Structure formats: C-alpha cells, structure tokens
C-alpha atoms as a PDB file:
ATOM      1  CA  UNK A   1      28.706  37.191  55.475  1.00  0.00           C
ATOM      2  CA  UNK A   2      31.273  36.192  52.871  1.00  0.00           C
ATOM      3  CA  UNK A   3      29.820  33.237  50.965  1.00  0.00           C
ATOM      4  CA  UNK A   4      32.954  31.141  51.593  1.00  0.00           C
ATOM      5  CA  UNK A   5      32.462  31.628  55.338  1.00  0.00           C
ATOM      6  CA  UNK A   6      28.760  30.893  54.873  1.00  0.00           C
ATOM      7  CA  UNK A   7      29.668  27.541  53.279  1.00  0.00           C
ATOM      8  CA  UNK A   8      31.640  26.608  56.372  1.00  0.00           C
ATOM      9  CA  UNK A   9      28.769  27.677  58.620  1.00  0.00           C
ATOM     10  CA  UNK A  10      26.293  25.639  56.569  1.00  0.00           C
ATOM     11  CA  UNK A  11      28.543  22.595  56.878  1.00  0.00           C
ATOM     12  CA  UNK A  12      28.489  22.872  60.669  1.00  0.00           C
ATOM     13  CA  UNK A  13      24.709  23.324  60.696  1.00  0.00           C
ATOM     14  CA  UNK A  14      24.194  20.344  58.399  1.00  0.00           C
ATOM     15  CA  UNK A  15      26.307  18.065  60.591  1.00  0.00           C
ATOM     16  CA  UNK A  16      24.430  19.228  63.693  1.00  0.00           C
ATOM     17  CA  UNK A  17      21.067  18.551  62.054  1.00  0.00           C
ATOM     18  CA  UNK A  18      22.061  15.016  61.061  1.00  0.00           C
ATOM     19  CA  UNK A  19      23.249  14.325  64.612  1.00  0.00           C
ATOM     20  CA  UNK A  20      19.678  14.925  65.829  1.00  0.00           C
ATOM     21  CA  UNK A  21      17.872  12.614  63.392  1.00  0.00           C
ATOM     22  CA  UNK A  22      15.462  10.022  64.685  1.00  0.00           C
ATOM     23  CA  UNK A  23      13.476   7.358  62.796  1.00  0.00           C
ATOM     24  CA  UNK A  24      12.138   7.857  59.273  1.00  0.00           C
ATOM     25  CA  UNK A  25      10.322   6.063  56.493  1.00  0.00           C
ATOM     26  CA  UNK A  26      13.188   4.633  54.418  1.00  0.00           C
ATOM     27  CA  UNK A  27      10.855   3.300  51.733  1.00  0.00           C
ATOM     28  CA  UNK A  28       9.309   6.705  51.192  1.00  0.00           C
ATOM     29  CA  UNK A  29      12.700   8.386  51.168  1.00  0.00           C
ATOM     30  CA  UNK A  30      14.082   5.969  48.571  1.00  0.00           C
ATOM     31  CA  UNK A  31      11.004   6.427  46.398  1.00  0.00           C
ATOM     32  CA  UNK A  32      11.562  10.179  46.508  1.00  0.00           C
ATOM     33  CA  UNK A  33      15.199   9.592  45.629  1.00  0.00           C
ATOM     34  CA  UNK A  34      14.256   7.562  42.572  1.00  0.00           C
ATOM     35  CA  UNK A  35      11.958  10.346  41.402  1.00  0.00           C
ATOM     36  CA  UNK A  36      14.770  12.838  41.851  1.00  0.00           C
ATOM     37  CA  UNK A  37      17.138  10.609  39.896  1.00  0.00           C
ATOM     38  CA  UNK A  38      14.624  10.338  37.050  1.00  0.00           C
ATOM     39  CA  UNK A  39      14.213  14.106  37.029  1.00  0.00           C
ATOM     40  CA  UNK A  40      17.989  14.583  36.937  1.00  0.00           C
ATOM     41  CA  UNK A  41      18.183  12.405  33.824  1.00  0.00           C
ATOM     42  CA  UNK A  42      15.707  14.507  31.892  1.00  0.00           C
ATOM     43  CA  UNK A  43      16.294  18.085  33.027  1.00  0.00           C
ATOM     44  CA  UNK A  44      19.095  20.372  34.145  1.00  0.00           C
ATOM     45  CA  UNK A  45      19.179  21.667  37.670  1.00  0.00           C
ATOM     46  CA  UNK A  46      17.781  25.149  38.081  1.00  0.00           C
ATOM     47  CA  UNK A  47      20.201  27.922  38.961  1.00  0.00           C
ATOM     48  CA  UNK A  48      19.004  27.832  42.579  1.00  0.00           C
ATOM     49  CA  UNK A  49      19.573  24.077  42.758  1.00  0.00           C
ATOM     50  CA  UNK A  50      22.971  24.454  41.116  1.00  0.00           C
ATOM     51  CA  UNK A  51      23.945  27.012  43.759  1.00  0.00           C
ATOM     52  CA  UNK A  52      22.757  24.702  46.571  1.00  0.00           C
ATOM     53  CA  UNK A  53      24.837  21.832  45.217  1.00  0.00           C
ATOM     54  CA  UNK A  54      27.859  24.084  44.801  1.00  0.00           C
ATOM     55  CA  UNK A  55      27.505  25.397  48.358  1.00  0.00           C
ATOM     56  CA  UNK A  56      27.646  21.823  49.620  1.00  0.00           C
ATOM     57  CA  UNK A  57      30.812  21.181  47.604  1.00  0.00           C
ATOM     58  CA  UNK A  58      32.287  24.426  48.934  1.00  0.00           C
ATOM     59  CA  UNK A  59      31.463  23.402  52.500  1.00  0.00           C
ATOM     60  CA  UNK A  60      33.151  20.070  51.900  1.00  0.00           C
ATOM     61  CA  UNK A  61      36.309  21.796  50.693  1.00  0.00           C
ATOM     62  CA  UNK A  62      36.381  24.205  53.610  1.00  0.00           C
ATOM     63  CA  UNK A  63      35.915  21.305  55.991  1.00  0.00           C
ATOM     64  CA  UNK A  64      39.286  19.994  54.789  1.00  0.00           C
ATOM     65  CA  UNK A  65      41.205  23.196  53.958  1.00  0.00           C
ATOM     66  CA  UNK A  66      40.967  26.506  55.777  1.00  0.00           C
ATOM     67  CA  UNK A  67      40.789  29.891  54.129  1.00  0.00           C
ATOM     68  CA  UNK A  68      44.035  31.867  54.137  1.00  0.00           C
ATOM     69  CA  UNK A  69      44.095  34.298  57.102  1.00  0.00           C
ATOM     70  CA  UNK A  70      45.224  37.333  55.047  1.00  0.00           C
ATOM     71  CA  UNK A  71      42.003  39.356  54.770  1.00  0.00           C
ATOM     72  CA  UNK A  72      43.502  41.860  52.310  1.00  0.00           C
ATOM     73  CA  UNK A  73      44.551  39.051  49.979  1.00  0.00           C
ATOM     74  CA  UNK A  74      41.064  37.529  50.197  1.00  0.00           C
ATOM     75  CA  UNK A  75      39.413  40.844  49.342  1.00  0.00           C
ATOM     76  CA  UNK A  76      41.812  41.405  46.444  1.00  0.00           C
ATOM     77  CA  UNK A  77      41.241  37.985  44.860  1.00  0.00           C
ATOM     78  CA  UNK A  78      37.488  38.279  45.398  1.00  0.00           C
ATOM     79  CA  UNK A  79      37.452  41.735  43.785  1.00  0.00           C
ATOM     80  CA  UNK A  80      39.412  40.552  40.738  1.00  0.00           C
ATOM     81  CA  UNK A  81      37.238  37.449  40.411  1.00  0.00           C
ATOM     82  CA  UNK A  82      33.959  39.340  40.612  1.00  0.00           C
ATOM     83  CA  UNK A  83      35.144  41.853  38.022  1.00  0.00           C
ATOM     84  CA  UNK A  84      35.929  38.983  35.674  1.00  0.00           C
ATOM     85  CA  UNK A  85      32.593  37.273  36.376  1.00  0.00           C
ATOM     86  CA  UNK A  86      30.750  40.459  35.406  1.00  0.00           C
ATOM     87  CA  UNK A  87      32.209  40.003  31.910  1.00  0.00           C
ATOM     88  CA  UNK A  88      31.101  36.373  31.647  1.00  0.00           C
ATOM     89  CA  UNK A  89      27.814  35.087  30.263  1.00  0.00           C
ATOM     90  CA  UNK A  90      26.509  34.349  33.781  1.00  0.00           C
ATOM     91  CA  UNK A  91      27.089  37.588  35.716  1.00  0.00           C
ATOM     92  CA  UNK A  92      23.962  37.054  37.831  1.00  0.00           C
ATOM     93  CA  UNK A  93      25.360  34.091  39.792  1.00  0.00           C
ATOM     94  CA  UNK A  94      26.336  34.782  43.437  1.00  0.00           C
ATOM     95  CA  UNK A  95      30.045  34.644  42.598  1.00  0.00           C
ATOM     96  CA  UNK A  96      32.539  34.326  45.445  1.00  0.00           C
ATOM     97  CA  UNK A  97      36.298  33.791  45.234  1.00  0.00           C
ATOM     98  CA  UNK A  98      38.537  32.602  48.031  1.00  0.00           C
ATOM     99  CA  UNK A  99      42.118  31.583  48.770  1.00  0.00           C
ATOM    100  CA  UNK A 100      42.734  28.391  50.738  1.00  0.00           C
ATOM    101  CA  UNK A 101      45.833  28.153  52.921  1.00  0.00           C
ATOM    102  CA  UNK A 102      47.811  25.315  51.343  1.00  0.00           C
ATOM    103  CA  UNK A 103      51.031  24.875  49.376  1.00  0.00           C
ATOM    104  CA  UNK A 104      49.193  22.519  47.015  1.00  0.00           C
ATOM    105  CA  UNK A 105      49.051  24.117  43.567  1.00  0.00           C
ATOM    106  CA  UNK A 106      45.522  24.141  42.175  1.00  0.00           C
ATOM    107  CA  UNK A 107      42.294  26.040  41.627  1.00  0.00           C
ATOM    108  CA  UNK A 108      38.722  24.763  41.620  1.00  0.00           C
ATOM    109  CA  UNK A 109      35.332  26.010  40.498  1.00  0.00           C
ATOM    110  CA  UNK A 110      32.080  24.721  41.906  1.00  0.00           C
ATOM    111  CA  UNK A 111      28.602  24.805  40.366  1.00  0.00           C
ATOM    112  CA  UNK A 112      26.851  28.036  41.261  1.00  0.00           C
ATOM    113  CA  UNK A 113      29.858  30.352  41.337  1.00  0.00           C
ATOM    114  CA  UNK A 114      32.204  29.471  44.225  1.00  0.00           C
ATOM    115  CA  UNK A 115      35.833  29.538  43.049  1.00  0.00           C
ATOM    116  CA  UNK A 116      38.844  28.573  45.164  1.00  0.00           C
ATOM    117  CA  UNK A 117      42.536  29.121  44.415  1.00  0.00           C
ATOM    118  CA  UNK A 118      45.326  27.786  46.616  1.00  0.00           C
ATOM    119  CA  UNK A 119      47.856  30.133  48.184  1.00  0.00           C
ATOM    120  CA  UNK A 120      50.515  27.816  46.761  1.00  0.00           C
ATOM    121  CA  UNK A 121      49.430  28.630  43.212  1.00  0.00           C
ATOM    122  CA  UNK A 122      48.691  32.293  43.922  1.00  0.00           C
ATOM    123  CA  UNK A 123      52.166  33.112  45.233  1.00  0.00           C
ATOM    124  CA  UNK A 124      53.802  31.506  42.181  1.00  0.00           C
ATOM    125  CA  UNK A 125      51.973  33.799  39.776  1.00  0.00           C
ATOM    126  CA  UNK A 126      53.672  37.010  38.636  1.00  0.00           C
ATOM    127  CA  UNK A 127      50.910  39.467  37.737  1.00  0.00           C
ATOM    128  CA  UNK A 128      47.243  40.263  38.030  1.00  0.00           C
ATOM    129  CA  UNK A 129      46.761  39.250  34.418  1.00  0.00           C
ATOM    130  CA  UNK A 130      48.038  35.762  35.294  1.00  0.00           C
ATOM    131  CA  UNK A 131      45.636  35.635  38.244  1.00  0.00           C
ATOM    132  CA  UNK A 132      42.860  36.823  35.913  1.00  0.00           C
ATOM    133  CA  UNK A 133      43.734  34.049  33.455  1.00  0.00           C
ATOM    134  CA  UNK A 134      43.547  31.365  36.154  1.00  0.00           C
ATOM    135  CA  UNK A 135      40.290  32.672  37.650  1.00  0.00           C
ATOM    136  CA  UNK A 136      38.732  33.163  34.205  1.00  0.00           C
ATOM    137  CA  UNK A 137      39.475  29.518  33.370  1.00  0.00           C
ATOM    138  CA  UNK A 138      37.534  28.494  36.480  1.00  0.00           C
ATOM    139  CA  UNK A 139      34.730  30.956  35.734  1.00  0.00           C
ATOM    140  CA  UNK A 140      34.460  29.399  32.272  1.00  0.00           C
ATOM    141  CA  UNK A 141      33.877  25.967  33.824  1.00  0.00           C
ATOM    142  CA  UNK A 142      30.907  27.398  35.752  1.00  0.00           C
ATOM    143  CA  UNK A 143      29.566  29.296  32.735  1.00  0.00           C
ATOM    144  CA  UNK A 144      29.605  26.091  30.673  1.00  0.00           C
ATOM    145  CA  UNK A 145      28.332  23.980  33.613  1.00  0.00           C
ATOM    146  CA  UNK A 146      31.170  21.523  33.056  1.00  0.00           C
ATOM    147  CA  UNK A 147      31.277  20.160  36.610  1.00  0.00           C
ATOM    148  CA  UNK A 148      27.500  19.924  36.721  1.00  0.00           C
ATOM    149  CA  UNK A 149      27.488  17.898  33.507  1.00  0.00           C
ATOM    150  CA  UNK A 150      30.059  15.499  34.939  1.00  0.00           C
ATOM    151  CA  UNK A 151      28.143  15.161  38.210  1.00  0.00           C
ATOM    152  CA  UNK A 152      24.800  14.632  36.506  1.00  0.00           C
ATOM    153  CA  UNK A 153      26.148  11.993  34.169  1.00  0.00           C
ATOM    154  CA  UNK A 154      27.769   9.840  36.833  1.00  0.00           C
ATOM    155  CA  UNK A 155      26.537  10.821  40.276  1.00  0.00           C
ATOM    156  CA  UNK A 156      23.019  12.252  40.531  1.00  0.00           C
ATOM    157  CA  UNK A 157      21.549   9.101  39.013  1.00  0.00           C
ATOM    158  CA  UNK A 158      22.777   7.280  42.148  1.00  0.00           C
ATOM    159  CA  UNK A 159      21.059   9.718  44.486  1.00  0.00           C
ATOM    160  CA  UNK A 160      18.397   7.183  45.510  1.00  0.00           C
ATOM    161  CA  UNK A 161      20.918   5.470  47.735  1.00  0.00           C
ATOM    162  CA  UNK A 162      21.771   8.712  49.498  1.00  0.00           C
ATOM    163  CA  UNK A 163      18.402  10.186  50.409  1.00  0.00           C
ATOM    164  CA  UNK A 164      17.438   8.125  53.453  1.00  0.00           C
ATOM    165  CA  UNK A 165      17.431  11.238  55.593  1.00  0.00           C
ATOM    166  CA  UNK A 166      14.525  12.407  57.695  1.00  0.00           C
ATOM    167  CA  UNK A 167      14.592  16.089  56.987  1.00  0.00           C
ATOM    168  CA  UNK A 168      14.885  15.531  53.239  1.00  0.00           C
ATOM    169  CA  UNK A 169      11.806  13.314  53.316  1.00  0.00           C
ATOM    170  CA  UNK A 170       9.957  15.839  55.456  1.00  0.00           C
ATOM    171  CA  UNK A 171      10.780  18.673  53.049  1.00  0.00           C
ATOM    172  CA  UNK A 172       9.187  16.738  50.195  1.00  0.00           C
ATOM    173  CA  UNK A 173       6.164  15.782  52.262  1.00  0.00           C
ATOM    174  CA  UNK A 174       5.381  19.437  52.968  1.00  0.00           C
ATOM    175  CA  UNK A 175       4.391  20.500  49.456  1.00  0.00           C
ATOM    176  CA  UNK A 176       4.077  20.009  45.724  1.00  0.00           C
ATOM    177  CA  UNK A 177       6.439  20.822  42.900  1.00  0.00           C
ATOM    178  CA  UNK A 178       9.259  18.898  41.317  1.00  0.00           C
ATOM    179  CA  UNK A 179      11.274  16.470  43.374  1.00  0.00           C
ATOM    180  CA  UNK A 180      14.443  18.398  42.560  1.00  0.00           C
ATOM    181  CA  UNK A 181      13.049  21.685  43.835  1.00  0.00           C
ATOM    182  CA  UNK A 182      11.616  20.138  46.979  1.00  0.00           C
ATOM    183  CA  UNK A 183      14.954  18.590  47.953  1.00  0.00           C
ATOM    184  CA  UNK A 184      16.475  22.060  48.047  1.00  0.00           C
ATOM    185  CA  UNK A 185      19.247  22.623  50.586  1.00  0.00           C
ATOM    186  CA  UNK A 186      18.766  19.128  51.973  1.00  0.00           C
ATOM    187  CA  UNK A 187      19.948  16.450  49.587  1.00  0.00           C
ATOM    188  CA  UNK A 188      21.646  18.744  47.069  1.00  0.00           C
ATOM    189  CA  UNK A 189      23.737  20.478  49.725  1.00  0.00           C
ATOM    190  CA  UNK A 190      24.603  17.149  51.369  1.00  0.00           C
ATOM    191  CA  UNK A 191      25.350  15.612  47.983  1.00  0.00           C
ATOM    192  CA  UNK A 192      27.873  18.368  47.398  1.00  0.00           C
ATOM    193  CA  UNK A 193      29.645  17.508  50.655  1.00  0.00           C
ATOM    194  CA  UNK A 194      29.629  13.816  49.702  1.00  0.00           C
ATOM    195  CA  UNK A 195      31.176  14.599  46.305  1.00  0.00           C
ATOM    196  CA  UNK A 196      34.176  16.059  48.108  1.00  0.00           C
ATOM    197  CA  UNK A 197      34.368  13.269  50.682  1.00  0.00           C
ATOM    198  CA  UNK A 198      34.462  10.522  48.047  1.00  0.00           C
ATOM    199  CA  UNK A 199      37.022  12.357  45.909  1.00  0.00           C
ATOM    200  CA  UNK A 200      34.750  12.720  42.866  1.00  0.00           C
ATOM    201  CA  UNK A 201      35.258  16.451  42.638  1.00  0.00           C
ATOM    202  CA  UNK A 202      39.036  16.037  42.542  1.00  0.00           C
ATOM    203  CA  UNK A 203      38.900  13.838  39.465  1.00  0.00           C
ATOM    204  CA  UNK A 204      39.911  15.391  36.137  1.00  0.00           C
ATOM    205  CA  UNK A 205      37.286  16.701  33.758  1.00  0.00           C
ATOM    206  CA  UNK A 206      37.253  15.644  30.138  1.00  0.00           C
ATOM    207  CA  UNK A 207      40.154  17.206  28.228  1.00  0.00           C
ATOM    208  CA  UNK A 208      37.785  18.874  25.798  1.00  0.00           C
ATOM    209  CA  UNK A 209      36.153  20.699  28.721  1.00  0.00           C
ATOM    210  CA  UNK A 210      39.541  21.911  29.973  1.00  0.00           C
ATOM    211  CA  UNK A 211      40.522  23.169  26.544  1.00  0.00           C
ATOM    212  CA  UNK A 212      37.163  24.913  26.130  1.00  0.00           C
ATOM    213  CA  UNK A 213      37.573  26.557  29.547  1.00  0.00           C
ATOM    214  CA  UNK A 214      41.054  27.744  28.567  1.00  0.00           C
ATOM    215  CA  UNK A 215      39.753  29.417  25.418  1.00  0.00           C
ATOM    216  CA  UNK A 216      36.704  30.963  27.063  1.00  0.00           C
ATOM    217  CA  UNK A 217      38.868  32.004  30.019  1.00  0.00           C
ATOM    218  CA  UNK A 218      41.122  33.964  27.661  1.00  0.00           C
ATOM    219  CA  UNK A 219      38.031  35.664  26.209  1.00  0.00           C
ATOM    220  CA  UNK A 220      36.682  36.587  29.667  1.00  0.00           C
ATOM    221  CA  UNK A 221      40.041  37.985  30.797  1.00  0.00           C
ATOM    222  CA  UNK A 222      40.385  39.957  27.558  1.00  0.00           C
ATOM    223  CA  UNK A 223      36.850  41.350  27.854  1.00  0.00           C
ATOM    224  CA  UNK A 224      37.745  42.452  31.381  1.00  0.00           C
ATOM    225  CA  UNK A 225      40.708  44.500  30.147  1.00  0.00           C
ATOM    226  CA  UNK A 226      43.596  42.141  30.929  1.00  0.00           C
ATOM    227  CA  UNK A 227      46.469  40.957  28.753  1.00  0.00           C
ATOM    228  CA  UNK A 228      45.027  37.865  27.008  1.00  0.00           C
ATOM    229  CA  UNK A 229      48.340  36.045  27.488  1.00  0.00           C
ATOM    230  CA  UNK A 230      47.983  35.938  31.285  1.00  0.00           C
ATOM    231  CA  UNK A 231      46.737  32.346  31.296  1.00  0.00           C
ATOM    232  CA  UNK A 232      49.520  31.291  28.927  1.00  0.00           C
ATOM    233  CA  UNK A 233      52.109  32.812  31.273  1.00  0.00           C
ATOM    234  CA  UNK A 234      50.593  30.916  34.211  1.00  0.00           C
ATOM    235  CA  UNK A 235      50.656  27.687  32.208  1.00  0.00           C
ATOM    236  CA  UNK A 236      54.274  28.293  31.223  1.00  0.00           C
ATOM    237  CA  UNK A 237      55.126  28.642  34.915  1.00  0.00           C
ATOM    238  CA  UNK A 238      53.435  25.311  35.621  1.00  0.00           C
ATOM    239  CA  UNK A 239      55.198  23.645  32.707  1.00  0.00           C
ATOM    240  CA  UNK A 240      58.573  24.780  34.037  1.00  0.00           C
ATOM    241  CA  UNK A 241      57.864  24.247  37.737  1.00  0.00           C
ATOM    242  CA  UNK A 242      60.249  21.752  39.316  1.00  0.00           C
ATOM    243  CA  UNK A 243      58.658  21.591  42.744  1.00  0.00           C
ATOM    244  CA  UNK A 244      57.726  18.497  44.663  1.00  0.00           C
ATOM    245  CA  UNK A 245      54.409  17.018  45.704  1.00  0.00           C
ATOM    246  CA  UNK A 246      52.784  20.430  46.055  1.00  0.00           C
ATOM    247  CA  UNK A 247      52.277  20.469  42.276  1.00  0.00           C
ATOM    248  CA  UNK A 248      50.784  16.994  42.085  1.00  0.00           C
ATOM    249  CA  UNK A 249      47.209  18.226  42.531  1.00  0.00           C
ATOM    250  CA  UNK A 250      47.001  20.489  39.493  1.00  0.00           C
ATOM    251  CA  UNK A 251      48.808  17.942  37.338  1.00  0.00           C
ATOM    252  CA  UNK A 252      46.407  15.196  38.386  1.00  0.00           C
ATOM    253  CA  UNK A 253      43.238  17.235  37.757  1.00  0.00           C
ATOM    254  CA  UNK A 254      44.231  19.036  34.534  1.00  0.00           C
ATOM    255  CA  UNK A 255      45.888  18.046  31.241  1.00  0.00           C
ATOM    256  CA  UNK A 256      49.642  18.726  31.043  1.00  0.00           C
ATOM    257  CA  UNK A 257      50.379  22.443  30.838  1.00  0.00           C
ATOM    258  CA  UNK A 258      52.332  21.942  27.608  1.00  0.00           C
ATOM    259  CA  UNK A 259      49.288  20.347  25.960  1.00  0.00           C
ATOM    260  CA  UNK A 260      47.066  23.212  27.104  1.00  0.00           C
ATOM    261  CA  UNK A 261      49.506  25.785  25.729  1.00  0.00           C
ATOM    262  CA  UNK A 262      49.635  23.945  22.397  1.00  0.00           C
ATOM    263  CA  UNK A 263      45.828  24.034  22.154  1.00  0.00           C
ATOM    264  CA  UNK A 264      45.695  27.715  23.109  1.00  0.00           C
ATOM    265  CA  UNK A 265      48.249  28.624  20.448  1.00  0.00           C
ATOM    266  CA  UNK A 266      45.633  27.695  17.841  1.00  0.00           C
ATOM    267  CA  UNK A 267      43.206  30.193  19.388  1.00  0.00           C
ATOM    268  CA  UNK A 268      45.375  33.106  20.548  1.00  0.00           C
ATOM    269  CA  UNK A 269      45.693  34.838  17.139  1.00  0.00           C
ATOM    270  CA  UNK A 270      42.013  35.819  17.507  1.00  0.00           C
ATOM    271  CA  UNK A 271      42.844  37.977  20.557  1.00  0.00           C
ATOM    272  CA  UNK A 272      46.410  38.986  19.705  1.00  0.00           C
ATOM    273  CA  UNK A 273      45.375  42.562  18.932  1.00  0.00           C
ATOM    274  CA  UNK A 274      44.559  42.991  22.653  1.00  0.00           C
ATOM    275  CA  UNK A 275      48.054  41.972  23.793  1.00  0.00           C
ATOM    276  CA  UNK A 276      48.822  45.566  24.823  1.00  0.00           C
ATOM    277  CA  UNK A 277      46.276  45.396  27.648  1.00  0.00           C
ATOM    278  CA  UNK A 278      47.862  45.629  31.116  1.00  0.00           C
ATOM    279  CA  UNK A 279      49.446  42.861  33.167  1.00  0.00           C
ATOM    280  CA  UNK A 280      49.414  44.845  36.449  1.00  0.00           C
ATOM    281  CA  UNK A 281      52.456  43.268  38.059  1.00  0.00           C
ATOM    282  CA  UNK A 282      52.897  46.104  40.590  1.00  0.00           C
ATOM    283  CA  UNK A 283      49.401  45.883  42.059  1.00  0.00           C
ATOM    284  CA  UNK A 284      49.608  42.101  42.220  1.00  0.00           C
ATOM    285  CA  UNK A 285      52.909  42.141  44.093  1.00  0.00           C
ATOM    286  CA  UNK A 286      51.605  44.782  46.491  1.00  0.00           C
ATOM    287  CA  UNK A 287      48.539  42.696  47.377  1.00  0.00           C
ATOM    288  CA  UNK A 288      49.927  39.149  47.207  1.00  0.00           C
ATOM    289  CA  UNK A 289      53.711  39.231  47.545  1.00  0.00           C
ATOM    290  CA  UNK A 290      54.221  41.756  50.315  1.00  0.00           C
END
C-alpha cells in the first residue's frame, strides 16, 4: 500500500481505537509521560520513532486534505521524489511523495520521509527541474531533521499532558526499554495528528533552517542530474505570482521568495558548472499539464 494511503488508514484505525477506550490509571499514564518528556530532552528520537511521529502528522494532513485523484501524476511525483531522496544523506528512510488536491500553494515535509506538494503549486511549475528543486528543499528539511528539532524544542516536553490514554499505558506496562521506544505507534503517532490539529506544523520554521534547506536542496537536485537553478526558477515564479488567497499558505510558512533567492545567489556559484543539466520541461508537461 502506498504510504500516503497507509497514513489515512492508520488515522481511521487510531480514531476507532480511541472510541473503544474504557477506564485507565491516569496517574501511571502521566508518570510515563513525564519520563518520555525527560527522555526527549536528552536524546533524539530514533529513526523508527521519527517515522511513527511523521506518519501521525501525515495522517493528520490527509484527514483534512485528500490526495489528488490523478494516479499517473501521483506515480510521477513519487518517482521523481524517490530518485532525489536516493541522492540525499538519508536514502534509507521510507520516502513517500504525494500530491494533495488543493489550490493552496505549498509543500510540506514530515519527519521520517513523507513529503506532500499541493496540486496548486505543482501546476504552476514549468519543468521537472523546478519540481526537483521544490521536492529537494523538502527532502533537505527531513535530512537535517529541522521539523523534529522544532517539535522537540517546543512540543514533546509537553507530552505528559497528552498521554492519558489506555493503550499507550498498556504498551509501556508490557515490557522494558526506554519510554520513547515503548510508546511506539501510540503516543508518537497520536502526537503527530495533534500537531496538525493545533496548527503547530503549519507554523514557519526558523529562517536559517529554510535557507539551509534551500542550499542543500540545490545540492540534492544537482547530484540527481537536474539543472541546479530549478529551485530558483520556482522561487521566481512565487515572487512574481499575483494570485489571491491560494498563495497565502506558502508565504505564511516560508520567508519571502525574494529573500530566499538573495540568499541562494551567494551559494549558486558553487554549482554553476552544472547549469547545463536538463530541465525536462517536455516530460513534466506530459505528466502534469496534460
């Protein structure tokens, strides 16, 4: 099953499980939550835990926005994204790329390797190299664990108030190991859903993280054989776009496109010799702009 579809299925299963909960030991659950919070302060999540959290965030997104119905477009974007991810420093993650059916212009990456781009942004791009630039920017966020750093610094330390759930407590009661590992799909997956519900995951990251993701995204796209100026072209489109509220999302979650271009101009001379690599406009238009 496509991992995006799996996220939606996991969301439904999680809601059904919570609907069947009975009584539980709230004191024990909160104590477990405090231990988990302490662990989060002193150690990074494992890759498995990162994936669980990201799947919860993905499920939260897909609970609010459906995937685009064009299966060929989905396969195309997923194929391009996975090719790019193979040239990143975390090729072993279970990467999945999907297109959500909305005119809102934005793209998101979640811890663990789920990446979503809106159809509104996709159809305003002009080539596969521009798509590669956008997806590589999001891949870079995952590689650098930017979202995870933001979540850990401001959210996971509050987890004690969110773990009064019977099956989470039961999972911990069944065995040893770290509190983080024992929580597994329970609290981490549910926490991911909550991060979407409360709007945390739609808040902008630190500008320095966005600029770092732009630079690393250019490197990933270039390594993958694309014109390194694809991301710049996409940013130029955003800077010139005169649309209405459909562009508000990307402008509220990212620095101004003109600022990002200015920062990239300091870096681009290092990859300028690869500017002859293909843009692949024809293939992009065949798959996206039929």
